[in-house]
Amino acid sequence: MAEKLLEITHVSKEFRIGGMLSKKKILATDDVSLSIDADRPVILSIVGESGCGKSTLCKMILRLYQADRGSIKLLGHDYADRKGYDPRQFRLDVQPIFQNPYETFSARKTVDTYLYNTALRLGICKSRAEADKLIDETLHSVGMSLQVVKGKYMTQFSGGELQRVSIARALITRPRLIVADEPVAAIDASMKMNIVNLFKDLKDQYQVSFIYITHDLSTAYYVSDYIATLYRGGLIEFGPARELMDDPAHPYTELLMNAVPRVGDKWKDNMAMPDMEDKEFALTCCKFAPRCPYATEECRQKNPEVTDLGGERNVRCFHSLVRQS
């Protein structure tokens, strides 16, 4: 059995929202299981509409949230094992890239300050000169340089340039895993593919795996090795990116794919986005059943188990659109 870089097993996270008299429980992630092998770097995209639990899962992987149920392991070490947890090693192994680069940096500090802090405070470099060399090498890998960045403030860069600096900062520790939460959402459309292309190049150059959180299916299709689809907190489909998106097994994934605009297509009707209904999170049957065109009475009464479709694919659905191999 291959060693796992990251292993998420039956993880759930619950939030309470509302006031004292109208407090509700939202199961933001519900029994999610995922893993990434340690022997080769991959890009795993986690996709779904806003509110599906993508960012909550991301924050649990980064230890910003603690799972209420289930386990998360990094290289075999359980997150719940406080005695075996080494905060410094975790920061070396796992690095974040957040959505808005303008919120990552302070307008009062020069951008290079963050790069030096990462290199020196984590003990990666022993001297300023050593840090200069490492930072410059890393910046060059994202199409920038220390000469361009040094002494400048965030207001002197575009969003795309700042996100490149964020990526360089994450790479300074030579991590095993980078968790990128909607990293191109706040960037101009003309720069999105440049950042996405970087992930593909850096994956091989640095032998680093990425978890790419996104609702942008076009970039997910292009950049991913694997895709996991979330709906109302639950993982409903997983598999190799091209197989999953070219031939979706779950009706919700099919719906997502049909919603992607294609060149030459024109909308004949106004788009109606699904509303966020709290009650769907609480369903113990299939949570997609109220919206699913293929739903039967079985779907409205029971929650489907995960079905192995073969070839690294699985789906949580009674009426899979893809037959088992």
Protein backbone atom coordinates (compact mmCIF):
# COMPACT_ATOMS: atom_id res chain seq x y z
CA MET A 1 0.00 0.00 0.00
CA ALA A 2 1.43 3.39 -1.05
CA GLU A 3 2.38 5.82 1.71
CA LYS A 4 -0.11 8.68 1.98
CA LEU A 5 0.99 12.29 1.95
CA LEU A 6 -2.47 13.34 3.11
CA GLU A 7 -5.23 11.05 4.34
CA ILE A 8 -8.67 12.44 5.22
CA THR A 9 -10.99 9.82 6.70
CA HIS A 10 -14.72 10.37 7.44
CA VAL A 11 -14.17 14.00 8.40
CA SER A 12 -17.11 16.17 9.51
CA LYS A 13 -17.29 19.76 10.75
CA GLU A 14 -20.38 21.36 12.26
CA PHE A 15 -21.14 25.05 12.81
CA ARG A 16 -23.90 26.70 14.77
CA ILE A 17 -25.39 29.83 13.23
CA GLY A 18 -28.08 32.31 14.23
CA GLY A 19 -29.13 33.86 17.54
CA MET A 20 -30.00 32.25 20.87
CA LEU A 21 -33.60 31.54 19.86
CA SER A 22 -33.01 30.67 16.21
CA LYS A 23 -29.73 28.76 16.42
CA LYS A 24 -29.22 26.21 13.63
CA LYS A 25 -26.66 23.52 13.00
CA ILE A 26 -24.90 23.39 9.65
CA LEU A 27 -22.85 20.32 8.77
CA ALA A 28 -20.29 22.20 6.66
CA THR A 29 -18.39 19.01 5.80
CA ASP A 30 -20.11 15.66 6.11
CA ASP A 31 -18.19 12.36 6.22
CA VAL A 32 -15.52 13.39 3.69
CA SER A 33 -12.75 10.91 2.81
CA LEU A 34 -9.86 11.78 0.45
CA SER A 35 -6.20 10.90 0.11
CA ILE A 36 -3.08 11.90 -1.82
CA ASP A 37 -0.23 9.43 -2.32
CA ALA A 38 3.25 10.48 -1.26
CA ASP A 39 5.16 8.84 -4.09
CA ARG A 40 4.26 11.34 -6.84
CA PRO A 41 3.06 14.96 -6.84
CA VAL A 42 -0.48 15.66 -8.05
CA ILE A 43 -2.93 18.52 -8.30
CA LEU A 44 -6.23 17.64 -6.66
CA SER A 45 -9.03 20.13 -7.34
CA ILE A 46 -11.96 20.34 -4.94
CA VAL A 47 -14.91 21.86 -6.79
CA GLY A 48 -18.48 22.89 -6.08
CA GLU A 49 -20.69 25.93 -5.70
CA SER A 50 -20.29 28.51 -2.92
CA GLY A 51 -21.20 27.08 0.47
CA CYS A 52 -20.48 23.45 -0.42
CA GLY A 53 -17.74 23.08 2.21
CA LYS A 54 -14.61 23.58 0.10
CA SER A 55 -13.04 26.30 2.24
CA THR A 56 -13.99 24.57 5.49
CA LEU A 57 -12.19 21.43 4.34
CA CYS A 58 -9.24 23.58 3.26
CA LYS A 59 -9.01 25.20 6.71
CA MET A 60 -9.10 21.83 8.44
CA ILE A 61 -6.19 20.63 6.30
CA LEU A 62 -4.31 23.80 7.31
CA ARG A 63 -5.18 23.20 11.01
CA LEU A 64 -7.16 26.45 11.17
CA TYR A 65 -10.25 24.41 12.08
CA GLN A 66 -10.39 21.19 14.06
CA ALA A 67 -12.52 18.35 12.73
CA ASP A 68 -15.46 17.36 14.93
CA ARG A 69 -15.39 13.78 13.69
CA GLY A 70 -13.01 11.68 11.62
CA SER A 71 -9.26 12.01 11.19
CA ILE A 72 -6.71 13.88 9.07
CA LYS A 73 -3.18 12.52 8.73
CA LEU A 74 -0.09 14.03 7.14
CA LEU A 75 2.60 11.48 6.26
CA GLY A 76 1.00 9.08 8.73
CA HIS A 77 0.85 11.54 11.63
CA ASP A 78 -2.66 12.14 12.96
CA TYR A 79 -3.64 15.78 13.46
CA ALA A 80 -5.28 14.79 16.76
CA ASP A 81 -1.97 13.48 18.14
CA ARG A 82 -0.81 16.56 20.02
CA LYS A 83 2.26 14.84 21.44
CA GLY A 84 3.55 14.00 17.99
CA TYR A 85 2.65 17.38 16.44
CA ASP A 86 5.63 19.55 15.51
CA PRO A 87 4.35 23.04 14.55
CA ARG A 88 7.57 24.02 12.81
CA GLN A 89 7.70 20.85 10.72
CA PHE A 90 4.06 21.27 9.78
CA ARG A 91 4.75 24.82 8.50
CA LEU A 92 7.62 23.44 6.45
CA ASP A 93 5.53 20.62 4.97
CA VAL A 94 2.21 22.42 4.38
CA GLN A 95 1.83 25.94 3.00
CA PRO A 96 -1.27 28.01 2.11
CA ILE A 97 -2.08 30.32 -0.78
CA PHE A 98 -5.17 32.39 -0.09
CA GLN A 99 -7.77 33.91 -2.38
CA ASN A 100 -7.03 37.62 -2.16
CA PRO A 101 -3.32 38.53 -2.34
CA TYR A 102 -4.14 42.08 -1.19
CA GLU A 103 -5.23 40.62 2.17
CA THR A 104 -2.08 38.51 2.47
CA PHE A 105 0.29 41.46 2.70
CA SER A 106 0.18 44.59 4.86
CA ALA A 107 0.39 47.99 3.18
CA ARG A 108 2.77 49.05 5.97
CA LYS A 109 5.45 46.45 5.25
CA THR A 110 7.52 45.86 2.16
CA VAL A 111 6.60 42.64 0.38
CA ASP A 112 10.09 41.16 0.70
CA THR A 113 9.78 41.33 4.52
CA TYR A 114 7.39 38.37 4.37
CA LEU A 115 9.80 36.36 2.27
CA TYR A 116 12.72 36.98 4.64
CA ASN A 117 10.58 36.16 7.67
CA THR A 118 9.65 32.79 6.16
CA ALA A 119 13.26 31.97 5.23
CA LEU A 120 14.89 33.11 8.48
CA ARG A 121 12.35 32.54 11.25
CA LEU A 122 11.70 28.94 10.23
CA GLY A 123 15.45 28.29 10.21
CA ILE A 124 15.62 27.49 6.52
CA CYS A 125 18.46 29.98 6.05
CA LYS A 126 21.11 30.86 8.63
CA SER A 127 22.07 34.26 7.26
CA ARG A 128 20.65 37.17 5.28
CA ALA A 129 22.98 36.37 2.37
CA GLU A 130 21.77 32.79 2.30
CA ALA A 131 18.20 34.03 2.38
CA ASP A 132 18.90 36.43 -0.51
CA LYS A 133 19.99 33.53 -2.68
CA LEU A 134 17.07 31.24 -1.78
CA ILE A 135 14.46 33.98 -2.16
CA ASP A 136 15.82 35.10 -5.52
CA GLU A 137 15.89 31.53 -6.84
CA THR A 138 12.33 30.95 -5.70
CA LEU A 139 11.07 34.23 -7.15
CA HIS A 140 12.68 33.38 -10.49
CA SER A 141 10.68 30.13 -10.54
CA VAL A 142 7.46 32.20 -10.55
CA GLY A 143 8.72 34.71 -13.14
CA MET A 144 9.96 37.43 -10.77
CA SER A 145 13.18 38.33 -8.96
CA LEU A 146 14.39 39.74 -5.66
CA GLN A 147 15.64 42.83 -7.51
CA VAL A 148 12.09 43.53 -8.71
CA VAL A 149 10.43 42.84 -5.34
CA LYS A 150 12.91 44.22 -2.81
CA GLY A 151 11.87 47.36 -0.93
CA LYS A 152 8.46 47.65 -2.63
CA TYR A 153 5.02 47.70 -1.06
CA MET A 154 1.94 45.72 -2.10
CA THR A 155 0.41 48.82 -3.74
CA GLN A 156 3.23 48.77 -6.28
CA PHE A 157 2.18 45.39 -7.67
CA SER A 158 -0.76 44.06 -9.65
CA GLY A 159 -2.94 41.31 -8.20
CA GLY A 160 -1.30 38.73 -10.43
CA GLU A 161 2.19 39.81 -9.38
CA LEU A 162 1.26 39.71 -5.71
CA GLN A 163 -0.16 36.22 -6.09
CA ARG A 164 3.12 35.13 -7.67
CA VAL A 165 4.94 36.47 -4.60
CA SER A 166 2.48 34.53 -2.41
CA ILE A 167 3.32 31.37 -4.34
CA ALA A 168 7.05 32.06 -4.00
CA ARG A 169 6.62 32.57 -0.27
CA ALA A 170 4.89 29.19 0.00
CA LEU A 171 7.69 27.51 -1.96
CA ILE A 172 10.51 28.86 0.23
CA THR A 173 9.94 26.09 2.77
CA ARG A 174 10.10 23.46 -0.01
CA PRO A 175 6.74 22.04 1.16
CA ARG A 176 5.26 18.65 0.38
CA LEU A 177 1.74 20.12 0.06
CA ILE A 178 0.34 23.53 -0.94
CA VAL A 179 -3.31 24.29 -0.22
CA ALA A 180 -4.57 26.99 -2.61
CA ASP A 181 -8.01 28.36 -1.70
CA GLU A 182 -9.57 30.04 -4.77
CA PRO A 183 -6.12 31.45 -5.73
CA VAL A 184 -7.28 33.06 -9.00
CA ALA A 185 -10.70 34.32 -7.92
CA ALA A 186 -9.46 37.87 -7.22
CA ILE A 187 -7.16 38.08 -10.24
CA ASP A 188 -7.84 39.63 -13.62
CA ALA A 189 -9.07 37.06 -16.14
CA SER A 190 -6.07 37.64 -18.42
CA MET A 191 -3.73 36.52 -15.60
CA LYS A 192 -5.64 33.47 -14.38
CA MET A 193 -4.13 30.97 -16.78
CA ASN A 194 -0.63 32.27 -16.03
CA ILE A 195 -1.09 31.37 -12.37
CA VAL A 196 -2.70 28.03 -13.20
CA ASN A 197 0.16 27.19 -15.57
CA LEU A 198 2.58 27.96 -12.75
CA PHE A 199 0.98 25.29 -10.58
CA LYS A 200 1.54 22.68 -13.28
CA ASP A 201 5.19 23.67 -13.73
CA LEU A 202 5.95 23.98 -10.01
CA LYS A 203 4.38 20.61 -9.23
CA ASP A 204 7.11 18.88 -11.22
CA GLN A 205 9.94 21.33 -10.48
CA TYR A 206 9.52 21.20 -6.70
CA GLN A 207 7.82 17.78 -6.42
CA VAL A 208 4.99 19.40 -4.49
CA SER A 209 1.32 18.38 -4.48
CA PHE A 210 -1.44 20.98 -4.65
CA ILE A 211 -4.97 21.03 -3.30
CA TYR A 212 -6.70 23.54 -5.55
CA ILE A 213 -9.99 24.81 -4.12
CA THR A 214 -12.13 26.37 -6.85
CA HIS A 215 -15.56 26.86 -8.36
CA ASP A 216 -13.94 27.61 -11.74
CA LEU A 217 -14.39 24.35 -13.64
CA SER A 218 -12.52 25.52 -16.72
CA THR A 219 -9.25 25.99 -14.80
CA ALA A 220 -9.91 22.83 -12.75
CA TYR A 221 -10.23 20.79 -15.95
CA TYR A 222 -7.00 22.22 -17.31
CA VAL A 223 -4.78 22.01 -14.22
CA SER A 224 -5.98 18.94 -12.29
CA ASP A 225 -4.81 15.37 -12.09
CA TYR A 226 -7.84 14.52 -9.94
CA ILE A 227 -11.11 16.24 -9.10
CA ALA A 228 -13.37 15.86 -6.07
CA THR A 229 -16.90 17.28 -6.22
CA LEU A 230 -18.55 18.53 -3.03
CA TYR A 231 -22.24 19.22 -2.53
CA ARG A 232 -23.75 20.53 0.72
CA GLY A 233 -20.69 19.39 2.64
CA GLY A 234 -20.52 15.88 1.20
CA LEU A 235 -18.05 14.37 -1.26
CA ILE A 236 -20.22 13.01 -4.06
CA GLU A 237 -17.74 12.17 -6.81
CA PHE A 238 -14.00 11.63 -7.20
CA GLY A 239 -11.75 10.59 -10.07
CA PRO A 240 -9.15 11.50 -12.69
CA ALA A 241 -9.93 14.99 -13.94
CA ARG A 242 -10.57 14.36 -17.62
CA GLU A 243 -12.61 11.21 -17.03
CA LEU A 244 -14.78 12.87 -14.41
CA MET A 245 -15.45 16.04 -16.38
CA ASP A 246 -15.81 14.43 -19.80
CA ASP A 247 -18.12 11.71 -18.48
CA PRO A 248 -19.55 12.71 -15.06
CA ALA A 249 -21.07 9.95 -12.94
CA HIS A 250 -23.08 12.10 -10.54
CA PRO A 251 -26.03 14.22 -11.74
CA TYR A 252 -24.69 17.25 -9.83
CA THR A 253 -21.30 17.04 -11.59
CA GLU A 254 -23.22 16.76 -14.87
CA LEU A 255 -25.17 19.90 -13.91
CA LEU A 256 -21.95 21.77 -13.12
CA MET A 257 -20.44 20.78 -16.46
CA ASN A 258 -23.56 21.85 -18.37
CA ALA A 259 -23.37 25.25 -16.66
CA VAL A 260 -19.89 25.98 -18.04
CA PRO A 261 -20.24 28.46 -20.95
CA ARG A 262 -18.77 27.21 -24.22
CA VAL A 263 -17.48 29.20 -27.16
CA GLY A 264 -20.38 29.99 -29.51
CA ASP A 265 -23.11 29.18 -26.99
CA LYS A 266 -25.68 31.83 -26.13
CA TRP A 267 -27.96 31.88 -23.12
CA LYS A 268 -31.58 31.70 -24.27
CA ASP A 269 -33.02 32.08 -20.77
CA ASN A 270 -32.03 33.93 -17.65
CA MET A 271 -29.78 31.84 -15.42
CA ALA A 272 -31.38 30.81 -12.13
CA MET A 273 -28.79 29.99 -9.48
CA PRO A 274 -29.91 27.52 -6.81
CA ASP A 275 -30.69 29.07 -3.46
CA MET A 276 -28.92 28.10 -0.27
CA GLU A 277 -31.34 26.06 1.81
CA ASP A 278 -30.27 25.25 5.36
CA LYS A 279 -32.54 22.20 5.45
CA GLU A 280 -30.55 20.50 2.68
CA PHE A 281 -27.50 20.29 4.96
CA ALA A 282 -29.57 18.42 7.53
CA LEU A 283 -30.98 15.79 5.16
CA THR A 284 -30.12 12.20 6.06
CA CYS A 285 -31.06 11.00 2.57
CA CYS A 286 -29.32 12.10 -0.63
CA LYS A 287 -28.86 15.87 -0.24
CA PHE A 288 -29.11 16.43 -3.98
CA ALA A 289 -32.41 14.54 -4.29
CA PRO A 290 -34.63 17.70 -4.07
CA ARG A 291 -32.91 19.06 -7.20
CA CYS A 292 -32.02 15.86 -9.05
CA PRO A 293 -33.88 15.04 -12.29
CA TYR A 294 -33.13 11.31 -11.79
CA ALA A 295 -34.22 11.07 -8.12
CA THR A 296 -36.43 8.18 -7.04
CA GLU A 297 -38.13 7.34 -3.76
CA GLU A 298 -34.99 5.48 -2.69
CA CYS A 299 -32.97 8.69 -3.03
CA ARG A 300 -35.44 10.57 -0.83
CA GLN A 301 -35.32 7.96 1.93
CA LYS A 302 -31.68 6.83 2.17
CA ASN A 303 -28.18 8.26 1.80
CA PRO A 304 -26.27 6.36 -0.91
CA GLU A 305 -23.02 4.59 -0.11
CA VAL A 306 -19.85 5.25 -2.10
CA THR A 307 -19.72 3.11 -5.26
CA ASP A 308 -16.35 2.12 -6.72
CA LEU A 309 -16.50 2.64 -10.48
CA GLY A 310 -12.98 1.30 -11.06
CA GLY A 311 -9.99 3.17 -12.44
CA GLU A 312 -9.69 5.36 -9.31
CA ARG A 313 -13.23 6.65 -9.72
CA ASN A 314 -16.01 6.57 -7.16
CA VAL A 315 -19.41 8.19 -6.74
CA ARG A 316 -22.04 8.53 -4.01
CA CYS A 317 -25.22 7.97 -5.99
CA PHE A 318 -27.92 5.29 -6.39
CA HIS A 319 -28.24 6.02 -10.10
CA SER A 320 -24.71 6.60 -11.36
CA LEU A 321 -24.52 7.95 -14.91
CA VAL A 322 -21.39 5.82 -15.48
CA ARG A 323 -21.45 2.03 -15.30
CA GLN A 324 -19.04 0.11 -13.10
CA SER A 325 -16.06 -1.31 -14.98
